[in-house]
Amino acid sequence: MKEKTVHAAEAVTTTAPAVDSGMTTAVAEHAAWLHSADTWIAVSFVLFIALFVKFALPKINASLDDRANKIRDQLEQAARLRAEAQALLASYQQQQQEAMKEAESIIASAQRDAADMRTRAVDELKTALDRRSQQAQEKIARAEVEAIEQIRKTIITTATESAREIVATQLQSQTDDQAVTRALAAIERQIH
């Protein structure tokens, strides 16, 4: 590299013999700096960084901002969905509790109704049994009355026939059947 610097310095000294020698070395150093690979790498790097910052960095930032906005929107949507799910869950739990209370109320009402029906059935059965017992007693009383009446008629008929036979045997000599019949009718009337 020093050789290039020396050649450049010689070229400058041969072309400008009137230029002062102090200036010659400064120009030679300046010219050496321009021909150095490190200088051009540094200039290229700075130029690349400047172009990168001017053109690529805004696009990268915009892309990252878009990505961040999408993520933020997704997080907000997830939060909304979670809140809706929790509200829906709370609503279902409340409906379940109300349904359980209603079911318990229905069961309690059914138990009360069953107890009432059982009580009414027992009362109706007692009433029906009492009524049938009373009807049976009335039938028995009527049967007794009819039996007594039947026995009385049988007794009257038997007594009348017996009296007729007795009277007929005693009155064989008398032929007044009408008197016997009247006497028997009078006896029957007194018995009844």
N, C-alpha and C. Protein backbone atom coordinates (compact mmCIF):
# COMPACT_ATOMS: atom_id res chain seq x y z
N MET A 1 0.81 -1.17 0.00
CA MET A 1 0.00 0.00 0.00
C MET A 1 0.87 1.25 0.00
N LYS A 2 1.95 1.16 0.66
CA LYS A 2 2.87 2.27 0.68
C LYS A 2 3.39 2.53 -0.72
N GLU A 3 3.51 1.50 -1.52
CA GLU A 3 3.99 1.68 -2.88
C GLU A 3 3.01 2.51 -3.65
N LYS A 4 1.75 2.29 -3.49
CA LYS A 4 0.75 3.09 -4.19
C LYS A 4 0.83 4.52 -3.74
N THR A 5 1.02 4.72 -2.49
CA THR A 5 1.11 6.07 -1.97
C THR A 5 2.34 6.77 -2.56
N VAL A 6 3.41 6.06 -2.65
CA VAL A 6 4.64 6.63 -3.19
C VAL A 6 4.44 6.96 -4.65
N HIS A 7 3.81 6.07 -5.43
CA HIS A 7 3.59 6.32 -6.86
C HIS A 7 2.67 7.50 -7.04
N ALA A 8 1.69 7.64 -6.21
CA ALA A 8 0.79 8.77 -6.33
C ALA A 8 1.51 10.06 -5.99
N ALA A 9 2.37 10.00 -5.02
CA ALA A 9 3.10 11.19 -4.65
C ALA A 9 4.07 11.59 -5.75
N GLU A 10 4.68 10.65 -6.40
CA GLU A 10 5.59 10.96 -7.50
C GLU A 10 4.84 11.57 -8.65
N ALA A 11 3.67 11.03 -8.93
CA ALA A 11 2.90 11.58 -10.03
C ALA A 11 2.51 13.00 -9.74
N VAL A 12 2.17 13.32 -8.53
CA VAL A 12 1.78 14.68 -8.18
C VAL A 12 3.01 15.58 -8.27
N THR A 13 4.18 15.16 -7.84
CA THR A 13 5.38 15.98 -7.90
C THR A 13 5.84 16.19 -9.33
N THR A 14 5.71 15.29 -10.19
CA THR A 14 6.14 15.47 -11.56
C THR A 14 5.20 16.37 -12.30
N THR A 15 3.96 16.38 -12.04
CA THR A 15 3.01 17.20 -12.75
C THR A 15 2.98 18.61 -12.22
N ALA A 16 3.29 18.80 -11.01
CA ALA A 16 3.23 20.14 -10.45
C ALA A 16 4.57 20.46 -9.80
N PRO A 17 5.58 20.83 -10.57
CA PRO A 17 6.87 21.09 -9.99
C PRO A 17 6.87 22.36 -9.18
N ALA A 18 5.97 23.25 -9.39
CA ALA A 18 6.00 24.50 -8.69
C ALA A 18 5.37 24.42 -7.35
N VAL A 19 4.64 23.35 -6.99
CA VAL A 19 3.92 23.22 -5.73
C VAL A 19 4.93 22.93 -4.65
N ASP A 20 4.69 23.44 -3.63
CA ASP A 20 5.58 23.36 -2.50
C ASP A 20 5.65 21.95 -1.97
N SER A 21 6.69 21.55 -1.36
CA SER A 21 6.90 20.17 -0.96
C SER A 21 6.03 19.80 0.24
N GLY A 22 5.65 20.71 1.14
CA GLY A 22 4.78 20.43 2.28
C GLY A 22 3.37 20.13 1.82
N MET A 23 3.04 20.80 0.81
CA MET A 23 1.71 20.59 0.28
C MET A 23 1.69 19.27 -0.46
N THR A 24 2.74 18.92 -0.96
CA THR A 24 2.85 17.70 -1.73
C THR A 24 2.58 16.51 -0.83
N THR A 25 3.09 16.52 0.30
CA THR A 25 2.88 15.38 1.19
C THR A 25 1.42 15.32 1.66
N ALA A 26 0.79 16.46 1.88
CA ALA A 26 -0.61 16.48 2.29
C ALA A 26 -1.49 15.96 1.18
N VAL A 27 -1.21 16.35 -0.01
CA VAL A 27 -2.00 15.89 -1.15
C VAL A 27 -1.75 14.40 -1.31
N ALA A 28 -0.50 14.00 -1.13
CA ALA A 28 -0.18 12.60 -1.28
C ALA A 28 -0.93 11.78 -0.24
N GLU A 29 -1.01 12.29 0.99
CA GLU A 29 -1.74 11.57 2.02
C GLU A 29 -3.24 11.56 1.71
N HIS A 30 -3.71 12.68 1.17
CA HIS A 30 -5.12 12.78 0.82
C HIS A 30 -5.44 11.81 -0.32
N ALA A 31 -4.59 11.77 -1.28
CA ALA A 31 -4.77 10.87 -2.41
C ALA A 31 -4.66 9.44 -1.95
N ALA A 32 -3.82 9.18 -1.01
CA ALA A 32 -3.67 7.83 -0.49
C ALA A 32 -4.95 7.42 0.24
N TRP A 33 -5.54 8.34 0.94
CA TRP A 33 -6.77 8.05 1.67
C TRP A 33 -7.88 7.69 0.70
N LEU A 34 -7.97 8.34 -0.45
CA LEU A 34 -9.01 8.07 -1.43
C LEU A 34 -8.80 6.72 -2.12
N HIS A 35 -7.57 6.30 -2.23
CA HIS A 35 -7.29 5.05 -2.90
C HIS A 35 -7.26 3.87 -1.93
N SER A 36 -7.52 4.10 -0.66
CA SER A 36 -7.47 3.04 0.34
C SER A 36 -8.77 2.23 0.30
N ALA A 37 -8.68 0.89 0.39
CA ALA A 37 -9.85 0.00 0.39
C ALA A 37 -10.64 0.17 1.66
N ASP A 38 -9.99 0.43 2.75
CA ASP A 38 -10.68 0.63 4.02
C ASP A 38 -11.61 1.84 3.94
N THR A 39 -11.12 2.88 3.26
CA THR A 39 -11.91 4.10 3.14
C THR A 39 -13.18 3.80 2.37
N TRP A 40 -13.04 3.10 1.26
CA TRP A 40 -14.20 2.82 0.44
C TRP A 40 -15.15 1.84 1.14
N ILE A 41 -14.63 0.94 1.94
CA ILE A 41 -15.49 0.03 2.72
C ILE A 41 -16.27 0.83 3.75
N ALA A 42 -15.59 1.77 4.41
CA ALA A 42 -16.25 2.61 5.41
C ALA A 42 -17.30 3.48 4.75
N VAL A 43 -16.96 4.09 3.58
CA VAL A 43 -17.92 4.94 2.88
C VAL A 43 -19.11 4.08 2.42
N SER A 44 -18.83 2.90 1.90
CA SER A 44 -19.91 2.01 1.45
C SER A 44 -20.79 1.61 2.63
N PHE A 45 -20.19 1.33 3.78
CA PHE A 45 -20.96 0.94 4.96
C PHE A 45 -21.86 2.08 5.43
N VAL A 46 -21.27 3.29 5.47
CA VAL A 46 -22.07 4.45 5.89
C VAL A 46 -23.19 4.69 4.89
N LEU A 47 -22.88 4.59 3.58
CA LEU A 47 -23.90 4.79 2.56
C LEU A 47 -24.98 3.71 2.66
N PHE A 48 -24.57 2.48 2.93
CA PHE A 48 -25.53 1.39 3.10
C PHE A 48 -26.44 1.65 4.31
N ILE A 49 -25.83 2.05 5.41
CA ILE A 49 -26.61 2.35 6.62
C ILE A 49 -27.59 3.48 6.34
N ALA A 50 -27.12 4.54 5.65
CA ALA A 50 -27.99 5.68 5.36
C ALA A 50 -29.15 5.25 4.47
N LEU A 51 -28.87 4.47 3.42
CA LEU A 51 -29.94 4.00 2.53
C LEU A 51 -30.87 3.04 3.29
N PHE A 52 -30.28 2.21 4.13
CA PHE A 52 -31.08 1.28 4.93
C PHE A 52 -32.02 2.05 5.85
N VAL A 53 -31.49 3.05 6.53
CA VAL A 53 -32.31 3.85 7.44
C VAL A 53 -33.36 4.62 6.67
N LYS A 54 -33.03 5.12 5.47
CA LYS A 54 -33.97 5.93 4.70
C LYS A 54 -35.07 5.09 4.07
N PHE A 55 -34.72 3.92 3.49
CA PHE A 55 -35.70 3.17 2.72
C PHE A 55 -36.19 1.89 3.42
N ALA A 56 -35.29 1.10 3.91
CA ALA A 56 -35.69 -0.21 4.45
C ALA A 56 -36.24 -0.12 5.86
N LEU A 57 -35.64 0.70 6.71
CA LEU A 57 -36.06 0.78 8.11
C LEU A 57 -37.51 1.23 8.26
N PRO A 58 -38.01 2.24 7.49
CA PRO A 58 -39.43 2.59 7.62
C PRO A 58 -40.36 1.42 7.23
N LYS A 59 -39.96 0.65 6.21
CA LYS A 59 -40.79 -0.48 5.81
C LYS A 59 -40.77 -1.56 6.89
N ILE A 60 -39.59 -1.79 7.46
CA ILE A 60 -39.50 -2.78 8.55
C ILE A 60 -40.30 -2.31 9.76
N ASN A 61 -40.17 -1.02 10.10
CA ASN A 61 -40.94 -0.47 11.22
C ASN A 61 -42.44 -0.56 10.96
N ALA A 62 -42.84 -0.24 9.70
CA ALA A 62 -44.26 -0.32 9.35
C ALA A 62 -44.74 -1.77 9.45
N SER A 63 -43.92 -2.69 8.97
CA SER A 63 -44.28 -4.11 9.06
C SER A 63 -44.39 -4.56 10.52
N LEU A 64 -43.43 -4.14 11.34
CA LEU A 64 -43.48 -4.50 12.77
C LEU A 64 -44.67 -3.85 13.45
N ASP A 65 -44.97 -2.57 13.08
CA ASP A 65 -46.14 -1.90 13.66
C ASP A 65 -47.43 -2.62 13.26
N ASP A 66 -47.50 -3.02 11.96
CA ASP A 66 -48.68 -3.77 11.53
C ASP A 66 -48.82 -5.07 12.30
N ARG A 67 -47.69 -5.76 12.45
CA ARG A 67 -47.70 -7.02 13.19
C ARG A 67 -48.12 -6.77 14.65
N ALA A 68 -47.59 -5.71 15.26
CA ALA A 68 -47.96 -5.37 16.65
C ALA A 68 -49.44 -5.02 16.74
N ASN A 69 -49.95 -4.28 15.73
CA ASN A 69 -51.38 -3.93 15.73
C ASN A 69 -52.25 -5.17 15.58
N LYS A 70 -51.81 -6.09 14.69
CA LYS A 70 -52.56 -7.33 14.53
C LYS A 70 -52.57 -8.13 15.84
N ILE A 71 -51.42 -8.21 16.48
CA ILE A 71 -51.34 -8.94 17.75
C ILE A 71 -52.20 -8.27 18.81
N ARG A 72 -52.15 -6.91 18.86
CA ARG A 72 -52.97 -6.17 19.81
C ARG A 72 -54.46 -6.42 19.52
N ASP A 73 -54.85 -6.39 18.23
CA ASP A 73 -56.25 -6.66 17.88
C ASP A 73 -56.65 -8.08 18.28
N GLN A 74 -55.77 -9.03 18.03
CA GLN A 74 -56.06 -10.41 18.40
C GLN A 74 -56.19 -10.55 19.92
N LEU A 75 -55.32 -9.86 20.66
CA LEU A 75 -55.42 -9.90 22.12
C LEU A 75 -56.72 -9.26 22.60
N GLU A 76 -57.09 -8.12 21.98
CA GLU A 76 -58.35 -7.46 22.36
C GLU A 76 -59.54 -8.35 22.02
N GLN A 77 -59.47 -8.99 20.84
CA GLN A 77 -60.55 -9.89 20.44
C GLN A 77 -60.62 -11.07 21.40
N ALA A 78 -59.45 -11.61 21.76
CA ALA A 78 -59.43 -12.73 22.71
C ALA A 78 -60.00 -12.29 24.05
N ALA A 79 -59.66 -11.08 24.48
CA ALA A 79 -60.20 -10.57 25.76
C ALA A 79 -61.71 -10.41 25.66
N ARG A 80 -62.20 -9.88 24.52
CA ARG A 80 -63.65 -9.73 24.33
C ARG A 80 -64.33 -11.10 24.33
N LEU A 81 -63.74 -12.03 23.60
CA LEU A 81 -64.32 -13.37 23.55
C LEU A 81 -64.32 -14.03 24.92
N ARG A 82 -63.25 -13.81 25.68
CA ARG A 82 -63.20 -14.37 27.02
C ARG A 82 -64.28 -13.74 27.90
N ALA A 83 -64.42 -12.41 27.80
CA ALA A 83 -65.46 -11.73 28.58
C ALA A 83 -66.85 -12.24 28.19
N GLU A 84 -67.06 -12.41 26.87
CA GLU A 84 -68.36 -12.93 26.41
C GLU A 84 -68.57 -14.35 26.91
N ALA A 85 -67.51 -15.16 26.85
CA ALA A 85 -67.62 -16.54 27.33
C ALA A 85 -67.92 -16.58 28.83
N GLN A 86 -67.28 -15.70 29.59
CA GLN A 86 -67.54 -15.66 31.03
C GLN A 86 -68.97 -15.20 31.30
N ALA A 87 -69.43 -14.19 30.52
CA ALA A 87 -70.80 -13.72 30.69
C ALA A 87 -71.79 -14.83 30.32
N LEU A 88 -71.49 -15.55 29.24
CA LEU A 88 -72.35 -16.65 28.82
C LEU A 88 -72.34 -17.76 29.86
N LEU A 89 -71.17 -18.06 30.40
CA LEU A 89 -71.06 -19.08 31.44
C LEU A 89 -71.87 -18.66 32.67
N ALA A 90 -71.72 -17.40 33.06
CA ALA A 90 -72.49 -16.91 34.21
C ALA A 90 -73.99 -17.00 33.94
N SER A 91 -74.38 -16.66 32.71
CA SER A 91 -75.80 -16.74 32.34
C SER A 91 -76.29 -18.18 32.41
N TYR A 92 -75.50 -19.12 31.87
CA TYR A 92 -75.90 -20.53 31.93
C TYR A 92 -75.94 -21.02 33.36
N GLN A 93 -74.99 -20.60 34.18
CA GLN A 93 -75.00 -21.03 35.58
C GLN A 93 -76.24 -20.49 36.29
N GLN A 94 -76.59 -19.23 35.99
CA GLN A 94 -77.78 -18.64 36.60
C GLN A 94 -79.03 -19.38 36.13
N GLN A 95 -79.09 -19.69 34.80
CA GLN A 95 -80.23 -20.44 34.30
C GLN A 95 -80.30 -21.82 34.93
N GLN A 96 -79.14 -22.45 35.13
CA GLN A 96 -79.12 -23.76 35.77
C GLN A 96 -79.62 -23.66 37.21
N GLN A 97 -79.18 -22.62 37.93
CA GLN A 97 -79.66 -22.45 39.30
C GLN A 97 -81.16 -22.21 39.33
N GLU A 98 -81.65 -21.38 38.39
CA GLU A 98 -83.08 -21.12 38.34
C GLU A 98 -83.84 -22.41 38.00
N ALA A 99 -83.29 -23.20 37.07
CA ALA A 99 -83.93 -24.46 36.71
C ALA A 99 -83.94 -25.41 37.91
N MET A 100 -82.84 -25.43 38.66
CA MET A 100 -82.79 -26.29 39.85
C MET A 100 -83.83 -25.83 40.88
N LYS A 101 -83.93 -24.50 41.09
CA LYS A 101 -84.92 -23.99 42.03
C LYS A 101 -86.33 -24.34 41.55
N GLU A 102 -86.57 -24.19 40.25
CA GLU A 102 -87.88 -24.51 39.70
C GLU A 102 -88.18 -26.00 39.86
N ALA A 103 -87.16 -26.84 39.60
CA ALA A 103 -87.34 -28.29 39.76
C ALA A 103 -87.64 -28.62 41.21
N GLU A 104 -86.90 -28.00 42.14
CA GLU A 104 -87.17 -28.24 43.56
C GLU A 104 -88.57 -27.78 43.93
N SER A 105 -88.98 -26.64 43.36
CA SER A 105 -90.33 -26.14 43.62
C SER A 105 -91.37 -27.10 43.07
N ILE A 106 -91.11 -27.61 41.86
CA ILE A 106 -92.06 -28.56 41.26
C ILE A 106 -92.12 -29.83 42.09
N ILE A 107 -90.97 -30.31 42.55
CA ILE A 107 -90.95 -31.53 43.37
C ILE A 107 -91.71 -31.30 44.68
N ALA A 108 -91.45 -30.15 45.31
CA ALA A 108 -92.15 -29.84 46.56
C ALA A 108 -93.65 -29.73 46.33
N SER A 109 -94.02 -29.07 45.22
CA SER A 109 -95.45 -28.94 44.89
C SER A 109 -96.07 -30.31 44.62
N ALA A 110 -95.33 -31.15 43.90
CA ALA A 110 -95.84 -32.49 43.61
C ALA A 110 -95.99 -33.29 44.90
N GLN A 111 -95.04 -33.15 45.82
CA GLN A 111 -95.15 -33.86 47.10
C GLN A 111 -96.35 -33.37 47.89
N ARG A 112 -96.55 -32.03 47.89
CA ARG A 112 -97.73 -31.49 48.59
C ARG A 112 -99.01 -32.00 47.94
N ASP A 113 -99.02 -31.97 46.59
CA ASP A 113 -100.22 -32.44 45.87
C ASP A 113 -100.47 -33.92 46.17
N ALA A 114 -99.38 -34.71 46.19
CA ALA A 114 -99.53 -36.14 46.48
C ALA A 114 -100.07 -36.34 47.90
N ALA A 115 -99.54 -35.56 48.85
CA ALA A 115 -100.03 -35.67 50.23
C ALA A 115 -101.50 -35.26 50.31
N ASP A 116 -101.86 -34.18 49.61
CA ASP A 116 -103.26 -33.74 49.59
C ASP A 116 -104.15 -34.81 48.96
N MET A 117 -103.66 -35.37 47.85
CA MET A 117 -104.45 -36.41 47.17
C MET A 117 -104.60 -37.63 48.08
N ARG A 118 -103.52 -37.99 48.77
CA ARG A 118 -103.57 -39.13 49.69
C ARG A 118 -104.59 -38.85 50.80
N THR A 119 -104.53 -37.63 51.36
CA THR A 119 -105.46 -37.25 52.43
C THR A 119 -106.90 -37.28 51.92
N ARG A 120 -107.10 -36.70 50.72
CA ARG A 120 -108.45 -36.69 50.14
C ARG A 120 -108.93 -38.11 49.86
N ALA A 121 -108.01 -38.96 49.34
CA ALA A 121 -108.40 -40.34 49.04
C ALA A 121 -108.78 -41.07 50.32
N VAL A 122 -108.01 -40.85 51.39
CA VAL A 122 -108.34 -41.48 52.67
C VAL A 122 -109.69 -40.97 53.17
N ASP A 123 -109.89 -39.65 53.08
CA ASP A 123 -111.17 -39.08 53.52
C ASP A 123 -112.33 -39.62 52.68
N GLU A 124 -112.12 -39.66 51.36
CA GLU A 124 -113.18 -40.17 50.48
C GLU A 124 -113.45 -41.64 50.77
N LEU A 125 -112.38 -42.41 51.02
CA LEU A 125 -112.56 -43.82 51.34
C LEU A 125 -113.33 -43.98 52.65
N LYS A 126 -112.96 -43.18 53.65
CA LYS A 126 -113.69 -43.24 54.92
C LYS A 126 -115.16 -42.87 54.72
N THR A 127 -115.38 -41.80 53.93
CA THR A 127 -116.75 -41.37 53.66
C THR A 127 -117.51 -42.47 52.93
N ALA A 128 -116.85 -43.06 51.92
CA ALA A 128 -117.52 -44.13 51.16
C ALA A 128 -117.80 -45.33 52.06
N LEU A 129 -116.83 -45.68 52.91
CA LEU A 129 -117.04 -46.80 53.83
C LEU A 129 -118.16 -46.50 54.82
N ASP A 130 -118.17 -45.27 55.34
CA ASP A 130 -119.24 -44.88 56.27
C ASP A 130 -120.59 -44.94 55.57
N ARG A 131 -120.62 -44.42 54.32
CA ARG A 131 -121.88 -44.42 53.57
C ARG A 131 -122.33 -45.86 53.30
N ARG A 132 -121.40 -46.72 52.90
CA ARG A 132 -121.77 -48.11 52.62
C ARG A 132 -122.18 -48.83 53.91
N SER A 133 -121.48 -48.51 55.00
CA SER A 133 -121.85 -49.11 56.28
C SER A 133 -123.26 -48.68 56.67
N GLN A 134 -123.53 -47.39 56.48
CA GLN A 134 -124.87 -46.87 56.81
C GLN A 134 -125.91 -47.52 55.90
N GLN A 135 -125.56 -47.63 54.58
CA GLN A 135 -126.50 -48.28 53.65
C GLN A 135 -126.73 -49.74 54.06
N ALA A 136 -125.63 -50.41 54.46
CA ALA A 136 -125.77 -51.80 54.89
C ALA A 136 -126.65 -51.89 56.13
N GLN A 137 -126.44 -50.96 57.08
CA GLN A 137 -127.26 -50.97 58.29
C GLN A 137 -128.72 -50.69 57.95
N GLU A 138 -128.94 -49.77 57.02
CA GLU A 138 -130.31 -49.47 56.60
C GLU A 138 -130.94 -50.69 55.94
N LYS A 139 -130.14 -51.40 55.10
CA LYS A 139 -130.66 -52.60 54.46
C LYS A 139 -130.98 -53.68 55.50
N ILE A 140 -130.06 -53.78 56.47
CA ILE A 140 -130.29 -54.76 57.54
C ILE A 140 -131.56 -54.39 58.31
N ALA A 141 -131.70 -53.08 58.60
CA ALA A 141 -132.90 -52.65 59.34
C ALA A 141 -134.15 -52.92 58.52
N ARG A 142 -134.07 -52.63 57.19
CA ARG A 142 -135.25 -52.91 56.34
C ARG A 142 -135.51 -54.41 56.27
N ALA A 143 -134.40 -55.18 56.18
CA ALA A 143 -134.56 -56.63 56.12
C ALA A 143 -135.18 -57.15 57.42
N GLU A 144 -134.75 -56.56 58.56
CA GLU A 144 -135.33 -56.96 59.84
C GLU A 144 -136.82 -56.63 59.87
N VAL A 145 -137.12 -55.39 59.39
CA VAL A 145 -138.53 -54.99 59.39
C VAL A 145 -139.33 -55.91 58.48
N GLU A 146 -138.76 -56.21 57.28
CA GLU A 146 -139.47 -57.09 56.35
C GLU A 146 -139.59 -58.50 56.94
N ALA A 147 -138.48 -58.96 57.59
CA ALA A 147 -138.53 -60.30 58.19
C ALA A 147 -139.58 -60.34 59.30
N ILE A 148 -139.60 -59.30 60.13
CA ILE A 148 -140.59 -59.24 61.21
C ILE A 148 -141.98 -59.21 60.62
N GLU A 149 -142.13 -58.42 59.55
CA GLU A 149 -143.44 -58.33 58.90
C GLU A 149 -143.83 -59.69 58.30
N GLN A 150 -142.83 -60.33 57.69
CA GLN A 150 -143.09 -61.65 57.09
C GLN A 150 -143.45 -62.67 58.18
N ILE A 151 -142.69 -62.59 59.29
CA ILE A 151 -142.97 -63.51 60.41
C ILE A 151 -144.35 -63.22 60.98
N ARG A 152 -144.66 -61.96 61.12
CA ARG A 152 -145.97 -61.58 61.65
C ARG A 152 -147.09 -62.11 60.74
N LYS A 153 -146.86 -61.93 59.41
CA LYS A 153 -147.89 -62.42 58.48
C LYS A 153 -148.03 -63.94 58.57
N THR A 154 -146.82 -64.56 58.70
CA THR A 154 -146.86 -66.02 58.80
C THR A 154 -147.57 -66.44 60.09
N ILE A 155 -147.26 -65.75 61.17
CA ILE A 155 -147.91 -66.05 62.46
C ILE A 155 -149.41 -65.81 62.36
N ILE A 156 -149.76 -64.68 61.73
CA ILE A 156 -151.20 -64.37 61.61
C ILE A 156 -151.90 -65.43 60.78
N THR A 157 -151.22 -65.78 59.66
CA THR A 157 -151.83 -66.78 58.79
C THR A 157 -151.96 -68.11 59.52
N THR A 158 -150.88 -68.49 60.21
CA THR A 158 -150.92 -69.75 60.95
C THR A 158 -151.97 -69.68 62.07
N ALA A 159 -151.99 -68.55 62.79
CA ALA A 159 -152.97 -68.41 63.88
C ALA A 159 -154.39 -68.41 63.34
N THR A 160 -154.54 -67.73 62.21
CA THR A 160 -155.88 -67.67 61.62
C THR A 160 -156.32 -69.06 61.20
N GLU A 161 -155.42 -69.80 60.58
CA GLU A 161 -155.79 -71.14 60.14
C GLU A 161 -156.06 -72.05 61.36
N SER A 162 -155.16 -71.86 62.37
CA SER A 162 -155.38 -72.68 63.58
C SER A 162 -156.71 -72.31 64.24
N ALA A 163 -156.99 -71.02 64.31
CA ALA A 163 -158.24 -70.58 64.92
C ALA A 163 -159.41 -71.07 64.10
N ARG A 164 -159.25 -71.03 62.81
CA ARG A 164 -160.33 -71.50 61.94
C ARG A 164 -160.58 -72.99 62.19
N GLU A 165 -159.51 -73.73 62.31
CA GLU A 165 -159.67 -75.16 62.53
C GLU A 165 -160.33 -75.42 63.90
N ILE A 166 -159.83 -74.63 64.91
CA ILE A 166 -160.40 -74.80 66.25
C ILE A 166 -161.88 -74.39 66.26
N VAL A 167 -162.13 -73.28 65.65
CA VAL A 167 -163.52 -72.80 65.63
C VAL A 167 -164.37 -73.76 64.79
N ALA A 168 -163.80 -74.23 63.74
CA ALA A 168 -164.56 -75.12 62.87
C ALA A 168 -164.87 -76.42 63.60
N THR A 169 -163.90 -76.91 64.37
CA THR A 169 -164.17 -78.14 65.10
C THR A 169 -165.19 -77.90 66.21
N GLN A 170 -165.10 -76.76 66.85
CA GLN A 170 -166.04 -76.48 67.92
C GLN A 170 -167.41 -76.13 67.34
N LEU A 171 -167.44 -75.57 66.27
CA LEU A 171 -168.72 -75.14 65.71
C LEU A 171 -169.18 -76.09 64.60
N GLN A 172 -168.79 -77.22 64.68
CA GLN A 172 -169.19 -78.14 63.63
C GLN A 172 -170.71 -78.25 63.59
N SER A 173 -171.21 -78.07 64.68
CA SER A 173 -172.64 -78.17 64.70
C SER A 173 -173.27 -76.93 64.11
N GLN A 174 -172.62 -75.84 64.23
CA GLN A 174 -173.18 -74.63 63.67
C GLN A 174 -172.69 -74.49 62.24
N THR A 175 -173.48 -74.05 61.45
CA THR A 175 -173.15 -73.93 60.03
C THR A 175 -173.02 -72.48 59.60
N ASP A 176 -172.78 -71.69 60.50
CA ASP A 176 -172.71 -70.28 60.16
C ASP A 176 -171.26 -69.93 59.80
N ASP A 177 -170.93 -70.13 58.59
CA ASP A 177 -169.58 -69.82 58.12
C ASP A 177 -169.32 -68.32 58.10
N GLN A 178 -170.29 -67.61 57.89
CA GLN A 178 -170.10 -66.16 57.85
C GLN A 178 -169.71 -65.62 59.21
N ALA A 179 -170.21 -66.10 60.23
CA ALA A 179 -169.87 -65.67 61.57
C ALA A 179 -168.43 -66.01 61.87
N VAL A 180 -167.99 -67.17 61.42
CA VAL A 180 -166.59 -67.59 61.62
C VAL A 180 -165.67 -66.67 60.84
N THR A 181 -166.01 -66.37 59.65
CA THR A 181 -165.18 -65.52 58.81
C THR A 181 -165.09 -64.14 59.42
N ARG A 182 -166.19 -63.62 59.92
CA ARG A 182 -166.17 -62.31 60.56
C ARG A 182 -165.33 -62.32 61.81
N ALA A 183 -165.39 -63.34 62.56
CA ALA A 183 -164.60 -63.45 63.80
C ALA A 183 -163.11 -63.51 63.47
N LEU A 184 -162.80 -64.28 62.45
CA LEU A 184 -161.39 -64.37 62.04
C LEU A 184 -160.90 -63.03 61.51
N ALA A 185 -161.64 -62.31 60.75
CA ALA A 185 -161.26 -60.98 60.23
C ALA A 185 -161.07 -60.02 61.37
N ALA A 186 -161.90 -60.08 62.40
CA ALA A 186 -161.75 -59.21 63.56
C ALA A 186 -160.46 -59.52 64.31
N ILE A 187 -160.12 -60.80 64.38
CA ILE A 187 -158.86 -61.21 65.05
C ILE A 187 -157.65 -60.69 64.25
N GLU A 188 -157.73 -60.83 62.94
CA GLU A 188 -156.64 -60.36 62.08
C GLU A 188 -156.46 -58.86 62.23
N ARG A 189 -157.51 -58.11 62.27
CA ARG A 189 -157.40 -56.66 62.42
C ARG A 189 -156.78 -56.28 63.73
N GLN A 190 -157.09 -57.00 64.77
CA GLN A 190 -156.52 -56.69 66.07
C GLN A 190 -155.03 -57.04 66.11
N ILE A 191 -154.60 -58.05 65.41
CA ILE A 191 -153.18 -58.44 65.39
C ILE A 191 -152.34 -57.41 64.62
N HIS A 192 -152.87 -56.96 63.57
CA HIS A 192 -152.12 -56.01 62.76
C HIS A 192 -152.04 -54.71 63.47
